[in-house]
Each structure stands twice: as C-alpha cells, then as structure tokens.
Amino acid sequence: MKELRLAGICDMAAANAFLPGFIARYNATFAKVPRRPDDLHRALNVEPHRLRDILCWRDERYVSNQLAFCYDRLRIILQENEITCGLPGKSIDTFEYSDGRLEFRWQGVALPHTVFDKDQHVTHAAITENKHPSAVLAHIKAAQDKAPPKKRRAGKQRTQYTPTGRRNTGWNIAAPTGR
C-alpha cells in the first residue's frame, strides 16, 4: 500500500500494471537462494481421511450429571446410551472442523448429541405466516390488558427507612476512655 501511495496510484487498473515491476524489484532485494536446490518435502504418511482430525480445533469438555456441557455458546446434550451412561464427571474430546461441523468423542467413539443454541431469537416472520397479523396482535394486547401494569420508580429509589427523630443511645458509639 505504501508503494502504491508513493507511486501516486489510486485505481485498480494502474495498480495491476504496477504490480509486475514491483514484484521483480522486491524479489531482487529480499529473495534468497535455497541451500539445497532439491525438493525436501516428505510424503504424507497419514491417511487422507485422518487429516481432517489433525487439521481441526480440538478441546476437552467436562460432562455434567445431566449428560450436558457448553461449547461456544451452545448447550450440547448427549443422547443416553450404554457409552454415555458412564460419562458424567469425565471429560470428552471436542472436534470443530473448518466447515463448522462439531463432533464429540469419548475414547475415539463419536457420541450422538443434540445442540441447543443459547442465542436463539424468534422472528416475527416465524410467528405469523400471513401478512395480516391482526389476530396475533389482538392476542398480545389481550394478554397485556390482563396483566396489571408494573409500577416503575423514577428518580431516586426509596427505601423502607423512615426517620423517627430519636438519636442513637450509644450502644454502637465508641465509649470515651479516661486516658
């Protein structure tokens, strides 16, 4: 960006024309010749299907007595079966893949689960299926009319204390000493 600004370039076509010369100058300044010219990359000794388990975000989560735990603002509840019955109080492995999938395993075995989003929001479109929500609005108004209105306090909050005019008789005042 600095080189583009110094060259006075401010549009895409001029930047594309400037780029080949800039790359050549940059490589001439900073490029290094490798010590050995042959290819030193090793062959992948892992099966391709295991590569996704390596290139993912892994973590551990503690399973509660209800077979539930939290992960990334989601509530995960494990389905009860012969494997998950012994999991309360133990930690399980979590796998978050790059495509967004989640998988939870205990000793390599995938666990069936249900996901609940803590940040669920219901849209108005999901509540009413037609363009005339008058029936829904009438129902909401009737529910609001049945409930007594809440008293809102404005300004300074009041307490239950009312001054009586009597002073403290000294039970909690430090007694003067004769020294």
Protein backbone atom coordinates (compact mmCIF):
# COMPACT_ATOMS: atom_id res chain seq x y z
CA MET A 1 0.00 0.00 0.00
CA LYS A 2 2.82 2.36 0.80
CA GLU A 3 4.50 1.72 -2.55
CA LEU A 4 1.20 2.37 -4.34
CA ARG A 5 0.75 5.63 -2.47
CA LEU A 6 4.32 6.74 -3.20
CA ALA A 7 3.82 5.96 -6.91
CA GLY A 8 0.60 8.01 -6.91
CA ILE A 9 -1.60 5.06 -7.88
CA CYS A 10 -5.23 5.17 -6.78
CA ASP A 11 -7.15 2.89 -9.15
CA MET A 12 -7.22 -0.85 -9.78
CA ALA A 13 -6.02 -0.81 -13.42
CA ALA A 14 -2.91 1.24 -12.63
CA ALA A 15 -2.17 -0.98 -9.60
CA ASN A 16 -2.35 -4.13 -11.76
CA ALA A 17 0.04 -2.56 -14.28
CA PHE A 18 2.43 -1.53 -11.45
CA LEU A 19 2.46 -4.98 -9.78
CA PRO A 20 4.86 -6.99 -12.07
CA GLY A 21 7.64 -4.39 -11.79
CA PHE A 22 7.15 -4.14 -8.02
CA ILE A 23 7.37 -7.94 -7.59
CA ALA A 24 10.60 -8.07 -9.62
CA ARG A 25 12.21 -5.28 -7.54
CA TYR A 26 11.00 -6.82 -4.26
CA ASN A 27 12.34 -10.30 -5.12
CA ALA A 28 15.67 -8.85 -6.26
CA THR A 29 16.01 -7.15 -2.87
CA PHE A 30 14.76 -9.82 -0.46
CA ALA A 31 14.84 -13.23 -2.21
CA LYS A 32 17.34 -15.87 -1.05
CA VAL A 33 18.71 -18.84 -2.93
CA PRO A 34 17.97 -22.13 -1.11
CA ARG A 35 20.93 -24.03 0.33
CA ARG A 36 19.87 -27.21 -1.44
CA PRO A 37 18.00 -26.95 -4.75
CA ASP A 38 16.28 -30.36 -4.49
CA ASP A 39 12.74 -30.79 -3.08
CA LEU A 40 12.90 -31.78 0.60
CA HIS A 41 9.16 -32.17 1.23
CA ARG A 42 8.27 -35.51 2.78
CA ALA A 43 5.38 -37.64 1.62
CA LEU A 44 2.30 -37.54 3.83
CA ASN A 45 2.29 -40.70 5.95
CA VAL A 46 -1.27 -40.19 7.23
CA GLU A 47 -4.40 -41.46 5.53
CA PRO A 48 -6.30 -38.56 3.92
CA HIS A 49 -9.44 -39.20 5.98
CA ARG A 50 -7.39 -38.80 9.21
CA LEU A 51 -6.03 -35.46 8.02
CA ARG A 52 -9.33 -33.73 8.90
CA ASP A 53 -8.91 -34.85 12.54
CA ILE A 54 -5.45 -33.31 12.60
CA LEU A 55 -6.44 -30.00 10.98
CA CYS A 56 -9.29 -29.09 13.32
CA TRP A 57 -9.81 -27.27 16.61
CA ARG A 58 -9.68 -29.80 19.46
CA ASP A 59 -10.65 -29.22 23.05
CA GLU A 60 -11.96 -31.07 26.10
CA ARG A 61 -15.24 -30.52 27.90
CA TYR A 62 -16.49 -31.75 31.28
CA VAL A 63 -19.77 -33.71 31.14
CA SER A 64 -22.31 -32.88 33.86
CA ASN A 65 -24.66 -35.34 35.58
CA GLN A 66 -27.37 -34.37 33.06
CA LEU A 67 -25.09 -35.52 30.18
CA ALA A 68 -24.75 -31.89 29.07
CA PHE A 69 -21.98 -29.35 28.59
CA CYS A 70 -21.43 -25.96 26.96
CA TYR A 71 -19.39 -25.32 23.84
CA ASP A 72 -19.10 -21.92 22.10
CA ARG A 73 -22.41 -20.54 23.49
CA LEU A 74 -24.15 -23.81 22.58
CA ARG A 75 -25.71 -26.25 25.01
CA ILE A 76 -24.81 -29.81 23.97
CA ILE A 77 -26.88 -32.66 25.38
CA LEU A 78 -25.61 -36.18 24.79
CA GLN A 79 -28.15 -38.87 23.96
CA GLU A 80 -28.32 -41.55 26.60
CA ASN A 81 -26.88 -44.91 25.59
CA GLU A 82 -24.53 -47.54 27.01
CA ILE A 83 -21.44 -45.39 26.31
CA THR A 84 -22.74 -42.08 27.64
CA CYS A 85 -24.15 -43.54 30.87
CA GLY A 86 -20.66 -43.65 32.39
CA LEU A 87 -19.58 -40.19 31.20
CA PRO A 88 -20.88 -37.85 33.96
CA GLY A 89 -17.91 -36.33 35.74
CA LYS A 90 -15.49 -37.14 32.91
CA SER A 91 -14.05 -35.08 30.07
CA ILE A 92 -14.75 -35.76 26.40
CA ASP A 93 -12.90 -34.60 23.27
CA THR A 94 -14.49 -31.94 21.07
CA PHE A 95 -13.65 -31.53 17.39
CA GLU A 96 -14.62 -28.37 15.50
CA TYR A 97 -13.90 -28.72 11.78
CA SER A 98 -13.19 -25.90 9.34
CA ASP A 99 -16.59 -26.34 7.68
CA GLY A 100 -18.35 -25.62 11.02
CA ARG A 101 -19.25 -29.20 11.94
CA LEU A 102 -18.94 -30.30 15.56
CA GLU A 103 -18.13 -33.80 16.74
CA PHE A 104 -17.78 -35.10 20.29
CA ARG A 105 -15.89 -38.29 21.12
CA TRP A 106 -15.11 -40.46 24.09
CA GLN A 107 -12.03 -42.66 23.56
CA GLY A 108 -12.36 -42.29 19.78
CA VAL A 109 -16.06 -43.17 19.60
CA ALA A 110 -18.37 -40.45 18.21
CA LEU A 111 -21.20 -39.59 20.61
CA PRO A 112 -24.76 -38.85 19.44
CA HIS A 113 -25.88 -35.42 20.64
CA THR A 114 -28.40 -32.60 20.36
CA VAL A 115 -27.37 -28.95 20.02
CA PHE A 116 -29.31 -26.06 21.56
CA ASP A 117 -28.35 -22.51 20.66
CA LYS A 118 -28.39 -20.20 23.70
CA ASP A 119 -28.81 -17.14 21.47
CA GLN A 120 -31.99 -18.22 19.68
CA HIS A 121 -34.24 -15.42 18.57
CA VAL A 122 -37.73 -15.79 17.18
CA THR A 123 -38.51 -13.50 14.27
CA HIS A 124 -41.90 -12.01 13.58
CA ALA A 125 -42.00 -13.93 10.31
CA ALA A 126 -41.75 -17.20 12.21
CA ILE A 127 -44.65 -16.25 14.46
CA THR A 128 -47.07 -15.11 11.77
CA GLU A 129 -47.29 -16.86 8.45
CA ASN A 130 -49.51 -14.32 6.73
CA LYS A 131 -49.21 -10.60 6.07
CA HIS A 132 -52.16 -9.70 8.33
CA PRO A 133 -51.01 -10.17 11.93
CA SER A 134 -54.14 -8.60 13.40
CA ALA A 135 -55.17 -11.81 15.20
CA VAL A 136 -51.74 -12.18 16.77
CA LEU A 137 -51.63 -8.53 17.80
CA ALA A 138 -55.12 -8.79 19.33
CA HIS A 139 -54.00 -11.83 21.35
CA ILE A 140 -50.90 -9.96 22.59
CA LYS A 141 -52.99 -6.90 23.55
CA ALA A 142 -55.47 -9.08 25.46
CA ALA A 143 -52.60 -10.71 27.39
CA GLN A 144 -51.13 -7.30 28.20
CA ASP A 145 -54.52 -5.96 29.37
CA LYS A 146 -54.97 -8.90 31.76
CA ALA A 147 -51.63 -8.35 33.47
CA PRO A 148 -51.52 -5.43 35.92
CA PRO A 149 -49.11 -2.69 34.87
CA LYS A 150 -45.75 -2.65 36.59
CA LYS A 151 -45.03 0.34 38.76
CA ARG A 152 -41.86 1.99 37.61
CA ARG A 153 -39.98 4.18 40.03
CA ALA A 154 -38.43 7.26 38.56
CA GLY A 155 -35.56 9.15 40.06
CA LYS A 156 -34.20 8.30 43.50
CA GLN A 157 -35.09 4.87 44.78
CA ARG A 158 -36.97 4.84 48.06
CA THR A 159 -36.19 2.57 50.99
CA GLN A 160 -38.29 1.35 53.91
CA TYR A 161 -36.42 3.56 56.39
CA THR A 162 -38.38 6.43 57.91
CA PRO A 163 -36.58 8.75 60.36
CA THR A 164 -38.10 8.76 63.88
CA GLY A 165 -36.21 11.74 65.24
CA ARG A 166 -34.56 9.69 68.01
CA ARG A 167 -30.82 9.53 68.15
CA ASN A 168 -28.65 6.55 68.86
CA THR A 169 -28.29 5.98 72.61
CA GLY A 170 -24.71 4.88 72.34
CA TRP A 171 -24.74 1.13 72.04
CA ASN A 172 -22.67 1.32 68.86
CA ILE A 173 -20.73 4.52 69.58
CA ALA A 174 -17.21 4.07 70.87
CA ALA A 175 -17.13 4.82 74.61
CA PRO A 176 -14.71 7.57 75.64
CA THR A 177 -11.80 6.32 77.62
CA GLY A 178 -10.44 8.02 80.71
CA ARG A 179 -6.89 8.16 79.44
